[in-house]
Each structure stands twice: as structure tokens, then as C-alpha cells.
N, C-alpha and C. Protein backbone atom coordinates (compact mmCIF):
# COMPACT_ATOMS: atom_id res chain seq x y z
N MET A 1 0.85 -1.17 0.00
CA MET A 1 0.00 0.00 0.00
C MET A 1 0.90 1.24 0.00
N THR A 2 0.52 2.25 -0.74
CA THR A 2 1.33 3.46 -0.81
C THR A 2 1.07 4.34 0.39
N GLN A 3 2.01 5.24 0.62
CA GLN A 3 1.89 6.17 1.76
C GLN A 3 0.62 6.99 1.62
N HIS A 4 0.32 7.45 0.40
CA HIS A 4 -0.88 8.27 0.17
C HIS A 4 -2.15 7.48 0.48
N ALA A 5 -2.22 6.24 0.03
CA ALA A 5 -3.39 5.41 0.31
C ALA A 5 -3.53 5.15 1.81
N SER A 6 -2.39 4.95 2.45
CA SER A 6 -2.41 4.70 3.90
C SER A 6 -2.89 5.92 4.67
N THR A 7 -2.43 7.10 4.27
CA THR A 7 -2.88 8.32 4.97
C THR A 7 -4.36 8.57 4.70
N ASN A 8 -4.82 8.25 3.51
CA ASN A 8 -6.26 8.40 3.22
C ASN A 8 -7.08 7.45 4.10
N GLU A 9 -6.60 6.23 4.24
CA GLU A 9 -7.32 5.27 5.08
C GLU A 9 -7.28 5.71 6.54
N LEU A 10 -6.13 6.21 6.99
CA LEU A 10 -6.03 6.71 8.37
C LEU A 10 -6.96 7.90 8.58
N ASP A 11 -7.04 8.80 7.58
CA ASP A 11 -7.97 9.93 7.68
C ASP A 11 -9.40 9.45 7.80
N HIS A 12 -9.73 8.43 7.01
CA HIS A 12 -11.08 7.86 7.07
C HIS A 12 -11.37 7.28 8.46
N VAL A 13 -10.43 6.51 8.98
CA VAL A 13 -10.59 5.88 10.29
C VAL A 13 -10.73 6.96 11.37
N CYS A 14 -9.89 7.98 11.31
CA CYS A 14 -9.97 9.07 12.31
C CYS A 14 -11.30 9.81 12.20
N GLY A 15 -11.81 9.99 10.99
CA GLY A 15 -13.11 10.60 10.80
C GLY A 15 -14.22 9.76 11.41
N GLU A 16 -14.12 8.45 11.24
CA GLU A 16 -15.12 7.55 11.84
C GLU A 16 -15.06 7.61 13.37
N ILE A 17 -13.86 7.67 13.90
CA ILE A 17 -13.70 7.78 15.36
C ILE A 17 -14.36 9.06 15.86
N ARG A 18 -14.09 10.18 15.18
CA ARG A 18 -14.70 11.45 15.58
C ARG A 18 -16.22 11.39 15.50
N ALA A 19 -16.73 10.79 14.42
CA ALA A 19 -18.19 10.69 14.26
C ALA A 19 -18.81 9.85 15.37
N GLU A 20 -18.18 8.75 15.72
CA GLU A 20 -18.71 7.89 16.78
C GLU A 20 -18.61 8.56 18.14
N ILE A 21 -17.53 9.29 18.37
CA ILE A 21 -17.39 10.03 19.64
C ILE A 21 -18.48 11.10 19.74
N ASN A 22 -18.75 11.80 18.63
CA ASN A 22 -19.83 12.80 18.63
C ASN A 22 -21.18 12.15 18.89
N LEU A 23 -21.40 10.98 18.30
CA LEU A 23 -22.64 10.25 18.54
C LEU A 23 -22.76 9.83 20.00
N LEU A 24 -21.69 9.32 20.56
CA LEU A 24 -21.69 8.93 21.98
C LEU A 24 -21.95 10.14 22.86
N ASN A 25 -21.29 11.26 22.57
CA ASN A 25 -21.52 12.48 23.36
C ASN A 25 -22.96 12.95 23.27
N SER A 26 -23.55 12.86 22.08
CA SER A 26 -24.95 13.26 21.92
C SER A 26 -25.87 12.37 22.74
N ARG A 27 -25.60 11.07 22.73
CA ARG A 27 -26.42 10.15 23.49
C ARG A 27 -26.27 10.38 24.99
N LEU A 28 -25.04 10.62 25.44
CA LEU A 28 -24.84 10.90 26.86
C LEU A 28 -25.50 12.21 27.27
N ASN A 29 -25.37 13.24 26.43
CA ASN A 29 -26.01 14.52 26.74
C ASN A 29 -27.53 14.39 26.82
N ALA A 30 -28.11 13.62 25.89
CA ALA A 30 -29.56 13.40 25.93
C ALA A 30 -29.97 12.67 27.20
N LEU A 31 -29.19 11.67 27.59
CA LEU A 31 -29.49 10.92 28.81
C LEU A 31 -29.40 11.83 30.03
N ILE A 32 -28.33 12.57 30.14
CA ILE A 32 -28.14 13.44 31.30
C ILE A 32 -29.22 14.52 31.35
N SER A 33 -29.58 15.08 30.20
CA SER A 33 -30.64 16.09 30.17
C SER A 33 -31.97 15.51 30.62
N SER A 34 -32.29 14.33 30.10
CA SER A 34 -33.57 13.72 30.50
C SER A 34 -33.58 13.42 31.99
N GLN A 35 -32.46 12.98 32.51
CA GLN A 35 -32.39 12.66 33.93
C GLN A 35 -32.52 13.92 34.78
N SER A 36 -31.92 15.00 34.34
CA SER A 36 -32.00 16.24 35.14
C SER A 36 -33.44 16.76 35.19
N PHE A 37 -34.16 16.70 34.08
CA PHE A 37 -35.56 17.14 34.09
C PHE A 37 -36.41 16.24 34.98
N LEU A 38 -36.15 14.94 34.93
CA LEU A 38 -36.91 14.03 35.78
C LEU A 38 -36.62 14.24 37.26
N VAL A 39 -35.37 14.55 37.60
CA VAL A 39 -35.02 14.81 39.00
C VAL A 39 -35.75 16.06 39.48
N ILE A 40 -35.84 17.07 38.63
CA ILE A 40 -36.58 18.29 39.01
C ILE A 40 -38.05 17.97 39.23
N ALA A 41 -38.64 17.21 38.32
CA ALA A 41 -40.05 16.83 38.46
C ALA A 41 -40.24 15.96 39.70
N TYR A 42 -39.32 15.05 39.93
CA TYR A 42 -39.40 14.18 41.10
C TYR A 42 -39.35 15.01 42.38
N GLY A 43 -38.36 15.89 42.46
CA GLY A 43 -38.22 16.73 43.66
C GLY A 43 -39.41 17.62 43.89
N SER A 44 -39.95 18.18 42.82
CA SER A 44 -41.13 19.04 42.95
C SER A 44 -42.33 18.25 43.43
N SER A 45 -42.51 17.06 42.87
CA SER A 45 -43.67 16.26 43.28
C SER A 45 -43.52 15.76 44.71
N LEU A 46 -42.31 15.45 45.12
CA LEU A 46 -42.10 15.00 46.50
C LEU A 46 -42.29 16.16 47.48
N SER A 47 -41.81 17.33 47.11
CA SER A 47 -41.95 18.47 48.02
C SER A 47 -43.40 18.96 48.10
N ALA A 48 -44.19 18.70 47.07
CA ALA A 48 -45.60 19.11 47.11
C ALA A 48 -46.35 18.37 48.21
N GLY A 49 -45.88 17.19 48.55
CA GLY A 49 -46.54 16.43 49.60
C GLY A 49 -45.84 16.53 50.94
N TYR A 50 -44.96 17.52 51.10
CA TYR A 50 -44.19 17.66 52.33
C TYR A 50 -45.11 17.67 53.55
N GLY A 51 -44.81 16.78 54.47
CA GLY A 51 -45.58 16.71 55.71
C GLY A 51 -46.77 15.76 55.61
N ASN A 52 -47.19 15.46 54.40
CA ASN A 52 -48.31 14.54 54.20
C ASN A 52 -47.80 13.32 53.44
N TRP A 53 -46.96 12.55 54.10
CA TRP A 53 -46.31 11.42 53.45
C TRP A 53 -47.26 10.26 53.18
N ASN A 54 -48.45 10.31 53.71
CA ASN A 54 -49.44 9.26 53.46
C ASN A 54 -50.36 9.59 52.29
N GLY A 55 -50.20 10.78 51.73
CA GLY A 55 -51.09 11.21 50.64
C GLY A 55 -50.88 10.38 49.37
N LEU A 56 -51.94 10.20 48.63
CA LEU A 56 -51.90 9.43 47.39
C LEU A 56 -50.93 10.04 46.38
N PHE A 57 -50.93 11.37 46.30
CA PHE A 57 -50.05 12.09 45.38
C PHE A 57 -48.58 11.78 45.68
N THR A 58 -48.22 11.82 46.94
CA THR A 58 -46.83 11.61 47.37
C THR A 58 -46.40 10.16 47.17
N ILE A 59 -47.31 9.25 47.30
CA ILE A 59 -46.98 7.83 47.19
C ILE A 59 -46.98 7.36 45.73
N THR A 60 -47.65 8.06 44.84
CA THR A 60 -47.74 7.58 43.45
C THR A 60 -46.85 8.32 42.47
N LEU A 61 -46.88 9.65 42.50
CA LEU A 61 -46.17 10.40 41.46
C LEU A 61 -44.64 10.30 41.55
N PRO A 62 -44.01 10.52 42.70
CA PRO A 62 -42.55 10.38 42.73
C PRO A 62 -42.05 8.98 42.31
N PRO A 63 -42.66 7.89 42.78
CA PRO A 63 -42.21 6.58 42.29
C PRO A 63 -42.42 6.40 40.78
N LEU A 64 -43.47 7.03 40.26
CA LEU A 64 -43.70 6.96 38.82
C LEU A 64 -42.57 7.65 38.06
N PHE A 65 -42.12 8.79 38.55
CA PHE A 65 -40.98 9.47 37.94
C PHE A 65 -39.72 8.60 38.04
N ALA A 66 -39.55 7.91 39.15
CA ALA A 66 -38.40 7.02 39.32
C ALA A 66 -38.43 5.88 38.30
N ILE A 67 -39.60 5.31 38.10
CA ILE A 67 -39.74 4.23 37.11
C ILE A 67 -39.43 4.77 35.71
N LEU A 68 -39.91 5.95 35.42
CA LEU A 68 -39.63 6.57 34.12
C LEU A 68 -38.12 6.82 33.95
N GLY A 69 -37.47 7.28 35.03
CA GLY A 69 -36.02 7.50 34.98
C GLY A 69 -35.27 6.21 34.69
N ILE A 70 -35.66 5.13 35.35
CA ILE A 70 -35.01 3.83 35.11
C ILE A 70 -35.26 3.38 33.68
N ALA A 71 -36.49 3.55 33.20
CA ALA A 71 -36.82 3.13 31.84
C ALA A 71 -35.99 3.89 30.81
N LEU A 72 -35.82 5.19 31.02
CA LEU A 72 -35.02 5.98 30.07
C LEU A 72 -33.55 5.56 30.08
N VAL A 73 -33.03 5.25 31.26
CA VAL A 73 -31.64 4.78 31.34
C VAL A 73 -31.50 3.45 30.62
N LEU A 74 -32.42 2.55 30.87
CA LEU A 74 -32.36 1.24 30.22
C LEU A 74 -32.50 1.36 28.71
N GLU A 75 -33.27 2.33 28.26
CA GLU A 75 -33.43 2.57 26.82
C GLU A 75 -32.16 3.17 26.21
N ALA A 76 -31.44 3.98 26.96
CA ALA A 76 -30.24 4.65 26.45
C ALA A 76 -29.01 3.75 26.44
N ARG A 77 -28.96 2.79 27.36
CA ARG A 77 -27.76 1.96 27.50
C ARG A 77 -27.33 1.23 26.22
N PRO A 78 -28.23 0.61 25.45
CA PRO A 78 -27.76 -0.08 24.24
C PRO A 78 -27.12 0.86 23.22
N GLY A 79 -27.67 2.06 23.08
CA GLY A 79 -27.09 3.03 22.15
C GLY A 79 -25.71 3.50 22.59
N ILE A 80 -25.56 3.69 23.89
CA ILE A 80 -24.26 4.08 24.43
C ILE A 80 -23.25 2.96 24.24
N ALA A 81 -23.67 1.74 24.55
CA ALA A 81 -22.77 0.59 24.38
C ALA A 81 -22.39 0.39 22.92
N ALA A 82 -23.33 0.60 22.01
CA ALA A 82 -23.04 0.44 20.57
C ALA A 82 -22.02 1.48 20.11
N ALA A 83 -22.16 2.70 20.58
CA ALA A 83 -21.20 3.74 20.21
C ALA A 83 -19.82 3.42 20.78
N GLN A 84 -19.77 2.93 22.02
CA GLN A 84 -18.48 2.55 22.61
C GLN A 84 -17.84 1.41 21.81
N GLU A 85 -18.64 0.44 21.41
CA GLU A 85 -18.12 -0.68 20.63
C GLU A 85 -17.58 -0.21 19.28
N ALA A 86 -18.30 0.70 18.64
CA ALA A 86 -17.84 1.23 17.35
C ALA A 86 -16.54 2.01 17.52
N ILE A 87 -16.44 2.80 18.57
CA ILE A 87 -15.20 3.54 18.83
C ILE A 87 -14.05 2.57 19.03
N SER A 88 -14.27 1.53 19.80
CA SER A 88 -13.22 0.52 20.03
C SER A 88 -12.80 -0.14 18.72
N HIS A 89 -13.78 -0.45 17.87
CA HIS A 89 -13.47 -1.06 16.58
C HIS A 89 -12.56 -0.15 15.75
N TRP A 90 -12.95 1.12 15.66
CA TRP A 90 -12.15 2.05 14.84
C TRP A 90 -10.81 2.34 15.48
N ARG A 91 -10.72 2.34 16.80
CA ARG A 91 -9.41 2.52 17.47
C ARG A 91 -8.49 1.34 17.16
N ARG A 92 -9.05 0.12 17.19
CA ARG A 92 -8.24 -1.06 16.84
C ARG A 92 -7.75 -0.96 15.40
N ARG A 93 -8.64 -0.50 14.52
CA ARG A 93 -8.26 -0.35 13.11
C ARG A 93 -7.16 0.70 12.97
N GLU A 94 -7.27 1.79 13.70
CA GLU A 94 -6.25 2.84 13.69
C GLU A 94 -4.91 2.28 14.18
N ASN A 95 -4.94 1.55 15.30
CA ASN A 95 -3.70 0.96 15.83
C ASN A 95 -3.09 -0.03 14.84
N HIS A 96 -3.94 -0.81 14.18
CA HIS A 96 -3.45 -1.78 13.19
C HIS A 96 -2.75 -1.05 12.04
N LEU A 97 -3.35 0.03 11.55
CA LEU A 97 -2.73 0.79 10.46
C LEU A 97 -1.39 1.36 10.88
N ILE A 98 -1.34 1.90 12.09
CA ILE A 98 -0.09 2.52 12.57
C ILE A 98 0.98 1.46 12.80
N ASN A 99 0.59 0.31 13.35
CA ASN A 99 1.56 -0.77 13.55
C ASN A 99 2.05 -1.34 12.22
N GLU A 100 1.15 -1.34 11.23
CA GLU A 100 1.50 -1.84 9.90
C GLU A 100 2.44 -0.88 9.19
N GLU A 101 2.21 0.40 9.39
CA GLU A 101 3.03 1.43 8.74
C GLU A 101 3.37 2.52 9.76
N PRO A 102 4.47 2.36 10.51
CA PRO A 102 4.82 3.30 11.59
C PRO A 102 4.96 4.76 11.14
N ALA A 103 5.21 5.00 9.87
CA ALA A 103 5.34 6.38 9.39
C ALA A 103 4.04 7.15 9.55
N LEU A 104 2.94 6.45 9.66
CA LEU A 104 1.64 7.11 9.85
C LEU A 104 1.50 7.75 11.22
N ARG A 105 2.33 7.34 12.16
CA ARG A 105 2.26 7.89 13.52
C ARG A 105 2.40 9.41 13.51
N ALA A 106 3.12 9.93 12.53
CA ALA A 106 3.31 11.38 12.42
C ALA A 106 1.99 12.09 12.14
N PHE A 107 0.99 11.38 11.65
CA PHE A 107 -0.31 11.98 11.31
C PHE A 107 -1.34 11.82 12.42
N THR A 108 -0.93 11.33 13.58
CA THR A 108 -1.86 11.12 14.69
C THR A 108 -1.53 12.09 15.82
N LEU A 109 -2.42 12.13 16.81
CA LEU A 109 -2.20 13.00 17.97
C LEU A 109 -1.07 12.47 18.85
N ALA A 110 -0.93 11.16 18.91
CA ALA A 110 0.08 10.53 19.76
C ALA A 110 1.26 10.11 18.89
N THR A 111 2.28 10.96 18.82
CA THR A 111 3.40 10.68 17.93
C THR A 111 4.47 9.81 18.57
N ASP A 112 4.54 9.79 19.90
CA ASP A 112 5.51 8.92 20.57
C ASP A 112 4.78 7.98 21.52
N GLU A 113 5.51 7.03 22.07
CA GLU A 113 4.89 5.99 22.90
C GLU A 113 4.27 6.56 24.18
N GLN A 114 4.95 7.53 24.79
CA GLN A 114 4.44 8.12 26.03
C GLN A 114 3.12 8.87 25.79
N SER A 115 3.06 9.66 24.74
CA SER A 115 1.81 10.38 24.45
C SER A 115 0.72 9.41 24.02
N ARG A 116 1.09 8.31 23.41
CA ARG A 116 0.12 7.28 23.03
C ARG A 116 -0.50 6.63 24.28
N LYS A 117 0.33 6.37 25.28
CA LYS A 117 -0.18 5.78 26.53
C LYS A 117 -1.11 6.77 27.25
N ARG A 118 -0.74 8.06 27.27
CA ARG A 118 -1.59 9.08 27.89
C ARG A 118 -2.94 9.16 27.18
N LEU A 119 -2.90 9.09 25.85
CA LEU A 119 -4.13 9.13 25.07
C LEU A 119 -5.01 7.92 25.38
N GLU A 120 -4.42 6.76 25.50
CA GLU A 120 -5.18 5.55 25.83
C GLU A 120 -5.79 5.64 27.23
N LEU A 121 -5.06 6.23 28.18
CA LEU A 121 -5.59 6.41 29.54
C LEU A 121 -6.79 7.35 29.54
N ARG A 122 -6.70 8.44 28.78
CA ARG A 122 -7.82 9.39 28.68
C ARG A 122 -9.03 8.72 28.04
N GLN A 123 -8.78 7.93 27.01
CA GLN A 123 -9.88 7.24 26.34
C GLN A 123 -10.53 6.23 27.28
N HIS A 124 -9.72 5.55 28.05
CA HIS A 124 -10.25 4.57 29.00
C HIS A 124 -11.10 5.26 30.06
N ALA A 125 -10.64 6.40 30.55
CA ALA A 125 -11.40 7.15 31.57
C ALA A 125 -12.74 7.60 30.99
N GLY A 126 -12.76 8.08 29.76
CA GLY A 126 -14.01 8.49 29.12
C GLY A 126 -14.94 7.32 28.92
N SER A 127 -14.40 6.19 28.57
CA SER A 127 -15.20 4.98 28.38
C SER A 127 -15.81 4.53 29.70
N ARG A 128 -15.04 4.63 30.76
CA ARG A 128 -15.55 4.24 32.09
C ARG A 128 -16.72 5.12 32.48
N PHE A 129 -16.60 6.42 32.24
CA PHE A 129 -17.69 7.33 32.59
C PHE A 129 -18.94 6.97 31.82
N SER A 130 -18.82 6.80 30.51
CA SER A 130 -20.01 6.55 29.70
C SER A 130 -20.66 5.20 29.99
N SER A 131 -19.89 4.26 30.51
CA SER A 131 -20.49 2.97 30.85
C SER A 131 -21.00 2.94 32.29
N ARG A 132 -20.41 3.72 33.17
CA ARG A 132 -20.83 3.72 34.58
C ARG A 132 -21.95 4.70 34.89
N ALA A 133 -22.03 5.79 34.16
CA ALA A 133 -23.05 6.80 34.45
C ALA A 133 -24.47 6.21 34.42
N PRO A 134 -24.81 5.41 33.42
CA PRO A 134 -26.17 4.83 33.46
C PRO A 134 -26.42 3.96 34.70
N MET A 135 -25.43 3.23 35.13
CA MET A 135 -25.60 2.38 36.31
C MET A 135 -25.78 3.24 37.57
N ILE A 136 -25.08 4.34 37.64
CA ILE A 136 -25.23 5.26 38.77
C ILE A 136 -26.64 5.85 38.77
N PHE A 137 -27.13 6.23 37.58
CA PHE A 137 -28.49 6.75 37.49
C PHE A 137 -29.50 5.71 37.95
N ILE A 138 -29.32 4.47 37.54
CA ILE A 138 -30.26 3.41 37.95
C ILE A 138 -30.24 3.25 39.47
N GLY A 139 -29.06 3.25 40.07
CA GLY A 139 -28.96 3.16 41.53
C GLY A 139 -29.66 4.31 42.22
N ALA A 140 -29.47 5.50 41.71
CA ALA A 140 -30.13 6.67 42.30
C ALA A 140 -31.64 6.57 42.16
N TRP A 141 -32.13 6.14 41.00
CA TRP A 141 -33.57 6.03 40.81
C TRP A 141 -34.19 4.96 41.69
N ILE A 142 -33.46 3.90 41.94
CA ILE A 142 -33.98 2.88 42.86
C ILE A 142 -34.16 3.48 44.26
N LEU A 143 -33.16 4.25 44.71
CA LEU A 143 -33.29 4.94 46.00
C LEU A 143 -34.44 5.94 45.99
N PHE A 144 -34.57 6.68 44.89
CA PHE A 144 -35.66 7.65 44.77
C PHE A 144 -37.02 6.95 44.75
N PHE A 145 -37.06 5.77 44.15
CA PHE A 145 -38.31 5.01 44.14
C PHE A 145 -38.73 4.63 45.56
N LEU A 146 -37.75 4.22 46.36
CA LEU A 146 -38.04 3.75 47.72
C LEU A 146 -38.28 4.89 48.71
N LEU A 147 -37.76 6.08 48.43
CA LEU A 147 -37.83 7.19 49.38
C LEU A 147 -39.25 7.54 49.82
N PRO A 148 -40.22 7.70 48.94
CA PRO A 148 -41.56 8.04 49.43
C PRO A 148 -42.15 6.99 50.37
N PHE A 149 -41.85 5.72 50.10
CA PHE A 149 -42.37 4.67 50.97
C PHE A 149 -41.68 4.70 52.34
N ALA A 150 -40.37 5.00 52.33
CA ALA A 150 -39.66 5.13 53.59
C ALA A 150 -40.18 6.33 54.39
N LEU A 151 -40.44 7.42 53.70
CA LEU A 151 -41.00 8.60 54.38
C LEU A 151 -42.38 8.30 54.95
N ARG A 152 -43.15 7.52 54.23
CA ARG A 152 -44.48 7.13 54.73
C ARG A 152 -44.36 6.29 56.00
N ILE A 153 -43.41 5.37 55.99
CA ILE A 153 -43.23 4.48 57.16
C ILE A 153 -42.64 5.24 58.35
N TRP A 154 -41.59 6.03 58.09
CA TRP A 154 -40.87 6.69 59.20
C TRP A 154 -41.28 8.12 59.43
N GLY A 155 -42.03 8.70 58.48
CA GLY A 155 -42.37 10.11 58.60
C GLY A 155 -43.66 10.28 59.23
């Protein structure tokens, strides 16, 4: 393969990586936005029943928002996982091209081994966040689901 063909292929791979990262960011932003609106609605509905923890409104609406929050997280997880998988695929392809033709390293962000390791660490940290955030949201919504019932029992 010629140097020109290799750089074109590397450009294509890097473009795919950027596109998948943008898609992942869009999906995460949508998830976080939906969760923030639901938390506001949840808090407002719970505070509307302040002091009356036995009321039907307090016992039904906040848990309903919690169920909706869990459902939205569960709906978002496959899209987030798919974007992460695609990014990993294109990263492997990028690494394969660079290992096949080391001269291409000059066309990447990580030109030496140390900067390459730093880049991999940053990518790993970003991947951890995007895979853990939905699980944290689910844990929080489970607690939010149980809170009105606990307030009813102990309040």
C-alpha cells in the first residue's frame, strides 16, 4: 500500500472515530438532560406532599418518575454501548494501520509511545464514565423510588 493510500485510510478511520465520539456524546447529553428534568419533576412532586407522606399524590407520582427514569436509562444503555463498541473497533483499526506502517504515527495525535499511553488512559477514563453513568443513574432512581415509601413508614 502506498503512503498516500495509507494516509487516506487513516484519515477515514480518524473521521469515523470522531463521528462515533460525537454520537456517543450526543447520546450521553440526551441521557443526562432527560435525567435532570426528571429529577426536578421528582423533587417538585415530592416536596408538594411535604408533611403529608401518606397522601396518594406523594406515594404515586414520585415513584412513577423514578420508574420513568429507570426506563429511560435502560433505553439509552444499548445506544451508548453500541457507540463505545464502534469507537473501540475504529481505534483497533487505527492501531493496526499505525503498527503496519509506523510512518503514519506522524499523522496522529500521539506521535511517541508516552503520548500514546496518555491518550489511551484518557480514552479509557471516558469509556468508564459513559459505561458507569447509566448504572449510577439506575442506583439513584432505585433509592428515589423507595424514598416516598420510607418517608411514609418513618415520617
